Amino acid sequence: MRRVMFGLSGLLLGGALLASAAQAQMEPVAAPEGASVYFITPEDGATVSGPVTVRMGLEGMGVAPAGTEAENTGHHHLLIDTPLDEVDLSAPLPATEQTRHFGGGQTQTTLELPPGDHTLQLLFLDYRHLSFEPTVASDPITIHVE
């Protein structure tokens, strides 16, 4: 019985240590003061024909592929018709049609968007697809696709 209790307490302790290690890995990385992400193209309010070319700009940090842990680097994400306040910034951002990942370090993409108005916003995340603290996000822009 004593052996079973020791095994159970060891298992519980090991689980607690793994949980605290996982929690530490989820802590946000500090963004450098003044870091910002912005749209080079398209401009806010633009009327564009599809396909839409999006060029992403960054100041105060560097771009690196996802999974590359290097100080003051991360990679771009694009929110399409998704308000930032609907995104869980405490967890890795899932890749969907509305949350595009550029984990290869890309700074440009081409989008096929249906005709109409669309809101775009850039989000710059760390090597784990987690938000920096403070969040590095562009102002949202609205474009009209013909």
Protein backbone atom coordinates (compact mmCIF):
# COMPACT_ATOMS: atom_id res chain seq x y z
CA MET A 1 0.00 0.00 0.00
CA ARG A 2 2.85 2.37 0.85
CA ARG A 3 4.40 1.79 -2.57
CA VAL A 4 1.10 2.60 -4.30
CA MET A 5 0.74 5.84 -2.31
CA PHE A 6 4.30 6.89 -3.17
CA GLY A 7 3.64 6.13 -6.83
CA LEU A 8 0.43 8.15 -6.79
CA SER A 9 2.01 11.14 -5.02
CA GLY A 10 4.98 11.02 -7.40
CA LEU A 11 2.58 11.00 -10.33
CA LEU A 12 0.67 14.00 -8.93
CA LEU A 13 3.90 15.91 -8.27
CA GLY A 14 5.18 15.16 -11.77
CA GLY A 15 1.88 16.33 -13.27
CA ALA A 16 2.03 19.57 -11.28
CA LEU A 17 5.59 20.21 -12.45
CA LEU A 18 4.62 19.61 -16.08
CA ALA A 19 1.62 21.93 -15.74
CA SER A 20 3.75 24.71 -14.25
CA ALA A 21 6.35 24.26 -17.02
CA ALA A 22 3.60 24.48 -19.66
CA GLN A 23 2.21 27.60 -17.99
CA ALA A 24 5.68 29.21 -18.01
CA GLN A 25 5.97 28.46 -21.73
CA MET A 26 2.70 30.35 -22.32
CA GLU A 27 3.87 33.56 -20.61
CA PRO A 28 3.89 36.47 -23.08
CA VAL A 29 7.17 37.78 -24.44
CA ALA A 30 7.75 41.51 -23.97
CA ALA A 31 7.55 43.57 -27.14
CA PRO A 32 10.22 46.25 -27.57
CA GLU A 33 9.02 49.76 -26.82
CA GLY A 34 7.68 51.41 -29.95
CA ALA A 35 7.27 48.18 -31.96
CA SER A 36 4.54 48.53 -34.57
CA VAL A 37 3.05 46.67 -37.51
CA TYR A 38 1.24 48.38 -40.39
CA PHE A 39 -0.13 47.96 -43.90
CA ILE A 40 2.05 49.13 -46.76
CA THR A 41 -0.77 48.20 -49.16
CA PRO A 42 -3.70 48.39 -49.45
CA GLU A 43 -4.56 51.74 -47.91
CA ASP A 44 -7.49 52.24 -45.58
CA GLY A 45 -10.60 53.09 -47.61
CA ALA A 46 -9.15 51.80 -50.90
CA THR A 47 -11.32 50.32 -53.61
CA VAL A 48 -9.44 47.41 -55.15
CA SER A 49 -9.93 44.71 -57.74
CA GLY A 50 -9.27 41.12 -56.78
CA PRO A 51 -6.98 39.45 -56.16
CA VAL A 52 -5.86 41.78 -53.35
CA THR A 53 -2.14 42.16 -52.67
CA VAL A 54 -1.36 42.82 -49.01
CA ARG A 55 2.11 44.08 -48.08
CA MET A 56 2.96 44.10 -44.37
CA GLY A 57 5.33 46.53 -42.66
CA LEU A 58 7.07 46.33 -39.28
CA GLU A 59 9.10 48.74 -37.14
CA GLY A 60 11.18 48.03 -34.06
CA MET A 61 11.31 44.25 -34.52
CA GLY A 62 12.43 41.66 -37.03
CA VAL A 63 10.61 38.96 -38.96
CA ALA A 64 11.59 35.32 -38.41
CA PRO A 65 9.84 32.05 -39.31
CA ALA A 66 7.49 30.53 -36.74
CA GLY A 67 9.35 28.34 -34.28
CA THR A 68 12.50 30.48 -34.48
CA GLU A 69 13.13 31.78 -30.96
CA ALA A 70 15.18 34.95 -31.41
CA GLU A 71 14.97 38.16 -29.41
CA ASN A 72 12.62 40.84 -30.77
CA THR A 73 11.35 38.73 -33.65
CA GLY A 74 8.07 37.18 -34.66
CA HIS A 75 5.88 36.70 -37.70
CA HIS A 76 2.80 38.24 -39.29
CA HIS A 77 -0.83 37.18 -38.99
CA LEU A 78 -3.74 38.74 -40.83
CA LEU A 79 -7.24 39.03 -39.40
CA ILE A 80 -9.89 39.13 -42.12
CA ASP A 81 -13.31 40.44 -41.09
CA THR A 82 -12.42 39.47 -37.51
CA PRO A 83 -12.30 42.10 -34.76
CA LEU A 84 -9.23 41.90 -32.53
CA ASP A 85 -11.40 41.77 -29.42
CA GLU A 86 -12.77 38.41 -30.65
CA VAL A 87 -9.26 36.88 -30.68
CA ASP A 88 -7.99 35.02 -27.61
CA LEU A 89 -4.55 36.60 -27.23
CA SER A 90 -3.68 34.32 -24.29
CA ALA A 91 -3.51 31.22 -26.51
CA PRO A 92 -1.80 30.33 -29.80
CA LEU A 93 -3.77 31.77 -32.71
CA PRO A 94 -5.43 29.04 -34.79
CA ALA A 95 -5.06 29.23 -38.58
CA THR A 96 -8.42 29.71 -40.31
CA GLU A 97 -9.77 31.47 -43.39
CA GLN A 98 -10.23 34.55 -41.16
CA THR A 99 -6.89 34.29 -39.28
CA ARG A 100 -4.09 33.79 -41.77
CA HIS A 101 -0.59 32.81 -40.63
CA PHE A 102 2.65 33.77 -42.33
CA GLY A 103 4.91 31.44 -40.39
CA GLY A 104 7.50 31.31 -43.15
CA GLY A 105 8.36 34.94 -42.47
CA GLN A 106 6.36 36.26 -45.44
CA THR A 107 5.68 39.97 -45.62
CA GLN A 108 3.35 39.89 -48.63
CA THR A 109 0.36 37.82 -49.68
CA THR A 110 -2.40 37.76 -52.28
CA LEU A 111 -5.98 37.31 -51.12
CA GLU A 112 -9.05 36.19 -53.01
CA LEU A 113 -11.83 38.14 -51.31
CA PRO A 114 -15.45 38.27 -52.46
CA PRO A 115 -16.77 41.61 -53.70
CA GLY A 116 -17.82 43.99 -50.96
CA ASP A 117 -16.37 45.66 -47.88
CA HIS A 118 -13.74 43.85 -45.81
CA THR A 119 -11.89 44.73 -42.64
CA LEU A 120 -8.22 43.73 -42.38
CA GLN A 121 -5.92 43.94 -39.36
CA LEU A 122 -2.34 42.78 -38.85
CA LEU A 123 -1.24 40.99 -35.72
CA PHE A 124 2.44 40.31 -35.06
CA LEU A 125 2.99 37.23 -32.88
CA ASP A 126 5.98 35.46 -31.37
CA TYR A 127 7.60 32.18 -32.41
CA ARG A 128 4.80 30.23 -30.64
CA HIS A 129 1.94 32.14 -32.36
CA LEU A 130 1.33 33.99 -29.06
CA SER A 131 0.76 37.71 -28.60
CA PHE A 132 3.53 39.94 -27.35
CA GLU A 133 2.97 42.12 -24.29
CA PRO A 134 1.86 44.70 -25.17
CA THR A 135 0.04 43.41 -28.24
CA VAL A 136 1.64 44.40 -31.54
CA ALA A 137 -1.30 45.01 -33.89
CA SER A 138 -2.07 47.45 -36.67
CA ASP A 139 -5.08 49.67 -36.77
CA PRO A 140 -7.83 47.89 -38.70
CA ILE A 141 -8.40 49.05 -42.25
CA THR A 142 -11.48 48.73 -44.46
CA ILE A 143 -11.22 48.05 -48.16
CA HIS A 144 -13.85 47.65 -50.85
CA VAL A 145 -13.32 44.81 -53.33
CA GLU A 146 -14.98 45.28 -56.73
